[in-house]
Amino acid sequence: MKAGMALAVIGGLLILVAGLAAWGGFAPLGAWYLSGMTGYLLAVLFGLITVIGGWWSSKPGKESMAGIIAIIFSLLGFLVGGGWWIGSILGLIGGILIWMKK
């Protein structure tokens, strides 16, 4: 498993779990600029798409697009808490590594 793929998947999972935890009533440790049901659903969606972008990077010839997807949705993850911030940071670093094909 490549480092970029691993970081993007872990970051996406953190964003996803933080969205589910906040939806379930647990207070997140990050700032939620978009709160309420919309913010929680967006966190789950952004986390899921970041995971898919990381996973997609394992397909030959798809690295550039997968990296861009992971970067965009990790950045969007900051709007909804970012998986306690570390999720978006890991997803962003992973997306950059995927995009650079490392």
N, C-alpha and C. Protein backbone atom coordinates (compact mmCIF):
# COMPACT_ATOMS: atom_id res chain seq x y z
N MET A 1 0.84 -1.18 0.00
CA MET A 1 0.00 0.00 0.00
C MET A 1 0.89 1.24 0.00
N LYS A 2 0.60 2.16 -0.86
CA LYS A 2 1.38 3.38 -0.94
C LYS A 2 1.02 4.31 0.22
N ALA A 3 1.98 5.14 0.59
CA ALA A 3 1.78 6.05 1.72
C ALA A 3 0.65 7.03 1.45
N GLY A 4 0.58 7.59 0.25
CA GLY A 4 -0.46 8.55 -0.08
C GLY A 4 -1.85 7.94 0.02
N MET A 5 -1.97 6.72 -0.48
CA MET A 5 -3.25 6.03 -0.42
C MET A 5 -3.66 5.80 1.03
N ALA A 6 -2.72 5.34 1.85
CA ALA A 6 -3.02 5.07 3.25
C ALA A 6 -3.44 6.34 3.98
N LEU A 7 -2.73 7.45 3.75
CA LEU A 7 -3.06 8.69 4.43
C LEU A 7 -4.42 9.22 4.00
N ALA A 8 -4.73 9.14 2.70
CA ALA A 8 -6.02 9.62 2.21
C ALA A 8 -7.17 8.79 2.79
N VAL A 9 -6.99 7.48 2.83
CA VAL A 9 -8.04 6.61 3.36
C VAL A 9 -8.23 6.84 4.86
N ILE A 10 -7.15 6.94 5.60
CA ILE A 10 -7.26 7.19 7.05
C ILE A 10 -7.89 8.56 7.31
N GLY A 11 -7.45 9.57 6.57
CA GLY A 11 -8.03 10.91 6.73
C GLY A 11 -9.51 10.92 6.41
N GLY A 12 -9.90 10.26 5.32
CA GLY A 12 -11.31 10.19 4.96
C GLY A 12 -12.13 9.46 6.00
N LEU A 13 -11.57 8.39 6.56
CA LEU A 13 -12.29 7.66 7.61
C LEU A 13 -12.47 8.52 8.86
N LEU A 14 -11.47 9.32 9.19
CA LEU A 14 -11.61 10.21 10.35
C LEU A 14 -12.70 11.27 10.12
N ILE A 15 -12.75 11.82 8.91
CA ILE A 15 -13.81 12.79 8.59
C ILE A 15 -15.17 12.10 8.68
N LEU A 16 -15.27 10.91 8.14
CA LEU A 16 -16.51 10.14 8.16
C LEU A 16 -16.95 9.82 9.59
N VAL A 17 -16.04 9.33 10.40
CA VAL A 17 -16.36 8.97 11.79
C VAL A 17 -16.74 10.21 12.60
N ALA A 18 -16.05 11.32 12.37
CA ALA A 18 -16.39 12.55 13.09
C ALA A 18 -17.79 13.02 12.72
N GLY A 19 -18.15 12.91 11.45
CA GLY A 19 -19.50 13.28 11.03
C GLY A 19 -20.55 12.39 11.65
N LEU A 20 -20.28 11.09 11.69
CA LEU A 20 -21.23 10.15 12.31
C LEU A 20 -21.33 10.38 13.82
N ALA A 21 -20.19 10.68 14.45
CA ALA A 21 -20.20 10.92 15.90
C ALA A 21 -20.99 12.19 16.23
N ALA A 22 -20.78 13.24 15.44
CA ALA A 22 -21.52 14.48 15.69
C ALA A 22 -23.01 14.29 15.41
N TRP A 23 -23.32 13.51 14.40
CA TRP A 23 -24.71 13.22 14.07
C TRP A 23 -25.36 12.45 15.22
N GLY A 24 -24.59 11.59 15.86
CA GLY A 24 -25.09 10.81 16.98
C GLY A 24 -25.15 11.57 18.29
N GLY A 25 -24.71 12.82 18.30
CA GLY A 25 -24.82 13.64 19.49
C GLY A 25 -23.53 13.83 20.26
N PHE A 26 -22.45 13.24 19.80
CA PHE A 26 -21.16 13.42 20.47
C PHE A 26 -20.52 14.71 19.98
N ALA A 27 -20.03 15.50 20.91
CA ALA A 27 -19.44 16.78 20.54
C ALA A 27 -18.08 16.56 19.90
N PRO A 28 -17.88 17.11 18.70
CA PRO A 28 -16.57 16.97 18.05
C PRO A 28 -15.54 17.89 18.68
N LEU A 29 -14.28 17.62 18.45
CA LEU A 29 -13.21 18.43 19.00
C LEU A 29 -12.74 19.49 18.02
N GLY A 30 -13.42 19.69 16.92
CA GLY A 30 -13.03 20.68 15.92
C GLY A 30 -14.14 21.69 15.70
N ALA A 31 -13.82 22.72 14.98
CA ALA A 31 -14.82 23.75 14.66
C ALA A 31 -15.74 23.22 13.56
N TRP A 32 -17.01 23.43 13.72
CA TRP A 32 -17.99 23.02 12.72
C TRP A 32 -18.59 24.28 12.13
N TYR A 33 -18.13 24.67 10.97
CA TYR A 33 -18.65 25.86 10.31
C TYR A 33 -20.02 25.60 9.73
N LEU A 34 -20.26 24.39 9.31
CA LEU A 34 -21.57 23.97 8.85
C LEU A 34 -22.08 22.95 9.86
N SER A 35 -23.00 23.35 10.69
CA SER A 35 -23.48 22.43 11.72
C SER A 35 -24.91 22.00 11.41
N GLY A 36 -25.45 21.21 12.27
CA GLY A 36 -26.79 20.68 12.07
C GLY A 36 -26.75 19.48 11.14
N MET A 37 -27.92 19.04 10.75
CA MET A 37 -28.04 17.84 9.92
C MET A 37 -27.29 17.99 8.60
N THR A 38 -27.34 19.17 8.00
CA THR A 38 -26.64 19.38 6.73
C THR A 38 -25.14 19.20 6.90
N GLY A 39 -24.57 19.78 7.93
CA GLY A 39 -23.14 19.66 8.18
C GLY A 39 -22.73 18.22 8.45
N TYR A 40 -23.53 17.50 9.21
CA TYR A 40 -23.19 16.12 9.54
C TYR A 40 -23.24 15.24 8.29
N LEU A 41 -24.27 15.42 7.48
CA LEU A 41 -24.37 14.64 6.26
C LEU A 41 -23.25 14.97 5.28
N LEU A 42 -22.90 16.27 5.21
CA LEU A 42 -21.78 16.66 4.34
C LEU A 42 -20.47 16.06 4.84
N ALA A 43 -20.28 16.00 6.15
CA ALA A 43 -19.06 15.39 6.70
C ALA A 43 -18.97 13.92 6.30
N VAL A 44 -20.08 13.21 6.40
CA VAL A 44 -20.11 11.81 6.01
C VAL A 44 -19.82 11.68 4.52
N LEU A 45 -20.43 12.52 3.71
CA LEU A 45 -20.22 12.49 2.27
C LEU A 45 -18.78 12.83 1.90
N PHE A 46 -18.24 13.90 2.47
CA PHE A 46 -16.86 14.29 2.17
C PHE A 46 -15.87 13.21 2.60
N GLY A 47 -16.10 12.62 3.76
CA GLY A 47 -15.23 11.55 4.24
C GLY A 47 -15.29 10.34 3.32
N LEU A 48 -16.49 9.98 2.91
CA LEU A 48 -16.66 8.83 2.03
C LEU A 48 -15.98 9.06 0.67
N ILE A 49 -16.13 10.25 0.12
CA ILE A 49 -15.51 10.53 -1.18
C ILE A 49 -13.99 10.60 -1.05
N THR A 50 -13.47 11.09 0.08
CA THR A 50 -12.02 11.10 0.30
C THR A 50 -11.49 9.67 0.37
N VAL A 51 -12.21 8.79 1.06
CA VAL A 51 -11.82 7.37 1.12
C VAL A 51 -11.84 6.75 -0.28
N ILE A 52 -12.87 7.04 -1.04
CA ILE A 52 -12.97 6.51 -2.41
C ILE A 52 -11.81 7.03 -3.27
N GLY A 53 -11.47 8.31 -3.11
CA GLY A 53 -10.34 8.87 -3.85
C GLY A 53 -9.04 8.16 -3.50
N GLY A 54 -8.83 7.90 -2.21
CA GLY A 54 -7.63 7.17 -1.79
C GLY A 54 -7.60 5.76 -2.33
N TRP A 55 -8.73 5.08 -2.26
CA TRP A 55 -8.82 3.71 -2.76
C TRP A 55 -8.63 3.67 -4.28
N TRP A 56 -9.19 4.66 -4.98
CA TRP A 56 -9.13 4.73 -6.42
C TRP A 56 -7.70 4.91 -6.92
N SER A 57 -6.85 5.43 -6.06
CA SER A 57 -5.46 5.66 -6.47
C SER A 57 -4.71 4.35 -6.72
N SER A 58 -5.26 3.24 -6.26
CA SER A 58 -4.60 1.95 -6.50
C SER A 58 -4.84 1.44 -7.91
N LYS A 59 -5.73 2.07 -8.65
CA LYS A 59 -6.01 1.68 -10.03
C LYS A 59 -4.99 2.33 -10.96
N PRO A 60 -4.34 1.57 -11.81
CA PRO A 60 -3.33 2.13 -12.72
C PRO A 60 -3.91 3.21 -13.63
N GLY A 61 -3.20 4.33 -13.72
CA GLY A 61 -3.62 5.43 -14.58
C GLY A 61 -4.63 6.37 -13.96
N LYS A 62 -5.05 6.12 -12.75
CA LYS A 62 -6.07 6.94 -12.09
C LYS A 62 -5.48 7.82 -10.98
N GLU A 63 -4.16 7.81 -10.82
CA GLU A 63 -3.54 8.48 -9.68
C GLU A 63 -3.81 9.98 -9.66
N SER A 64 -3.67 10.65 -10.80
CA SER A 64 -3.84 12.10 -10.82
C SER A 64 -5.25 12.50 -10.42
N MET A 65 -6.25 11.88 -11.02
CA MET A 65 -7.64 12.22 -10.70
C MET A 65 -7.98 11.84 -9.27
N ALA A 66 -7.50 10.70 -8.80
CA ALA A 66 -7.76 10.28 -7.43
C ALA A 66 -7.13 11.25 -6.43
N GLY A 67 -5.92 11.71 -6.73
CA GLY A 67 -5.26 12.68 -5.86
C GLY A 67 -6.02 13.99 -5.79
N ILE A 68 -6.50 14.47 -6.94
CA ILE A 68 -7.26 15.71 -6.97
C ILE A 68 -8.56 15.56 -6.19
N ILE A 69 -9.23 14.43 -6.33
CA ILE A 69 -10.47 14.18 -5.58
C ILE A 69 -10.18 14.19 -4.08
N ALA A 70 -9.13 13.51 -3.66
CA ALA A 70 -8.79 13.46 -2.23
C ALA A 70 -8.44 14.86 -1.71
N ILE A 71 -7.73 15.65 -2.50
CA ILE A 71 -7.36 17.01 -2.09
C ILE A 71 -8.60 17.88 -1.94
N ILE A 72 -9.46 17.88 -2.95
CA ILE A 72 -10.66 18.74 -2.92
C ILE A 72 -11.56 18.39 -1.75
N PHE A 73 -11.85 17.11 -1.56
CA PHE A 73 -12.80 16.74 -0.52
C PHE A 73 -12.19 16.78 0.88
N SER A 74 -10.87 16.69 0.97
CA SER A 74 -10.23 16.92 2.27
C SER A 74 -10.31 18.40 2.64
N LEU A 75 -10.10 19.27 1.66
CA LEU A 75 -10.23 20.70 1.92
C LEU A 75 -11.67 21.05 2.29
N LEU A 76 -12.63 20.47 1.58
CA LEU A 76 -14.04 20.70 1.93
C LEU A 76 -14.36 20.15 3.32
N GLY A 77 -13.63 19.12 3.73
CA GLY A 77 -13.83 18.54 5.06
C GLY A 77 -13.55 19.54 6.17
N PHE A 78 -12.68 20.52 5.92
CA PHE A 78 -12.42 21.54 6.93
C PHE A 78 -13.69 22.32 7.28
N LEU A 79 -14.62 22.45 6.33
CA LEU A 79 -15.86 23.19 6.58
C LEU A 79 -16.77 22.47 7.57
N VAL A 80 -16.59 21.17 7.70
CA VAL A 80 -17.47 20.38 8.55
C VAL A 80 -16.71 19.69 9.68
N GLY A 81 -15.65 20.31 10.13
CA GLY A 81 -14.91 19.77 11.26
C GLY A 81 -13.62 19.07 10.89
N GLY A 82 -13.54 18.55 9.71
CA GLY A 82 -12.30 17.95 9.22
C GLY A 82 -11.84 16.71 9.95
N GLY A 83 -12.74 15.94 10.50
CA GLY A 83 -12.32 14.73 11.22
C GLY A 83 -11.40 15.08 12.36
N TRP A 84 -11.87 16.02 13.17
CA TRP A 84 -11.09 16.57 14.28
C TRP A 84 -9.82 17.22 13.74
N TRP A 85 -9.92 17.86 12.61
CA TRP A 85 -8.85 18.56 11.89
C TRP A 85 -7.79 17.62 11.36
N ILE A 86 -7.41 16.62 12.09
CA ILE A 86 -6.34 15.73 11.65
C ILE A 86 -6.77 14.92 10.43
N GLY A 87 -8.05 14.61 10.34
CA GLY A 87 -8.55 13.86 9.19
C GLY A 87 -8.35 14.62 7.88
N SER A 88 -8.70 15.90 7.89
CA SER A 88 -8.52 16.70 6.68
C SER A 88 -7.05 16.91 6.36
N ILE A 89 -6.24 17.08 7.40
CA ILE A 89 -4.80 17.27 7.17
C ILE A 89 -4.19 16.00 6.57
N LEU A 90 -4.52 14.84 7.13
CA LEU A 90 -4.01 13.58 6.58
C LEU A 90 -4.52 13.33 5.16
N GLY A 91 -5.80 13.61 4.94
CA GLY A 91 -6.36 13.44 3.60
C GLY A 91 -5.70 14.36 2.59
N LEU A 92 -5.42 15.59 3.01
CA LEU A 92 -4.76 16.56 2.13
C LEU A 92 -3.34 16.10 1.79
N ILE A 93 -2.58 15.69 2.79
CA ILE A 93 -1.22 15.20 2.55
C ILE A 93 -1.26 13.95 1.67
N GLY A 94 -2.18 13.04 1.97
CA GLY A 94 -2.31 11.83 1.16
C GLY A 94 -2.68 12.15 -0.28
N GLY A 95 -3.61 13.09 -0.48
CA GLY A 95 -4.00 13.49 -1.83
C GLY A 95 -2.84 14.09 -2.60
N ILE A 96 -2.04 14.90 -1.93
CA ILE A 96 -0.87 15.50 -2.58
C ILE A 96 0.14 14.41 -2.97
N LEU A 97 0.37 13.46 -2.06
CA LEU A 97 1.30 12.37 -2.37
C LEU A 97 0.78 11.51 -3.53
N ILE A 98 -0.53 11.26 -3.55
CA ILE A 98 -1.12 10.49 -4.65
C ILE A 98 -0.95 11.25 -5.95
N TRP A 99 -1.25 12.53 -5.93
CA TRP A 99 -1.16 13.36 -7.13
C TRP A 99 0.26 13.40 -7.67
N MET A 100 1.24 13.42 -6.72
CA MET A 100 2.64 13.43 -7.12
C MET A 100 3.15 12.02 -7.45
N LYS A 101 2.24 11.02 -7.30
CA LYS A 101 2.55 9.61 -7.59
C LYS A 101 3.67 9.08 -6.71
N LYS A 102 3.56 9.34 -5.41
CA LYS A 102 4.54 8.86 -4.43
C LYS A 102 3.94 7.76 -3.60
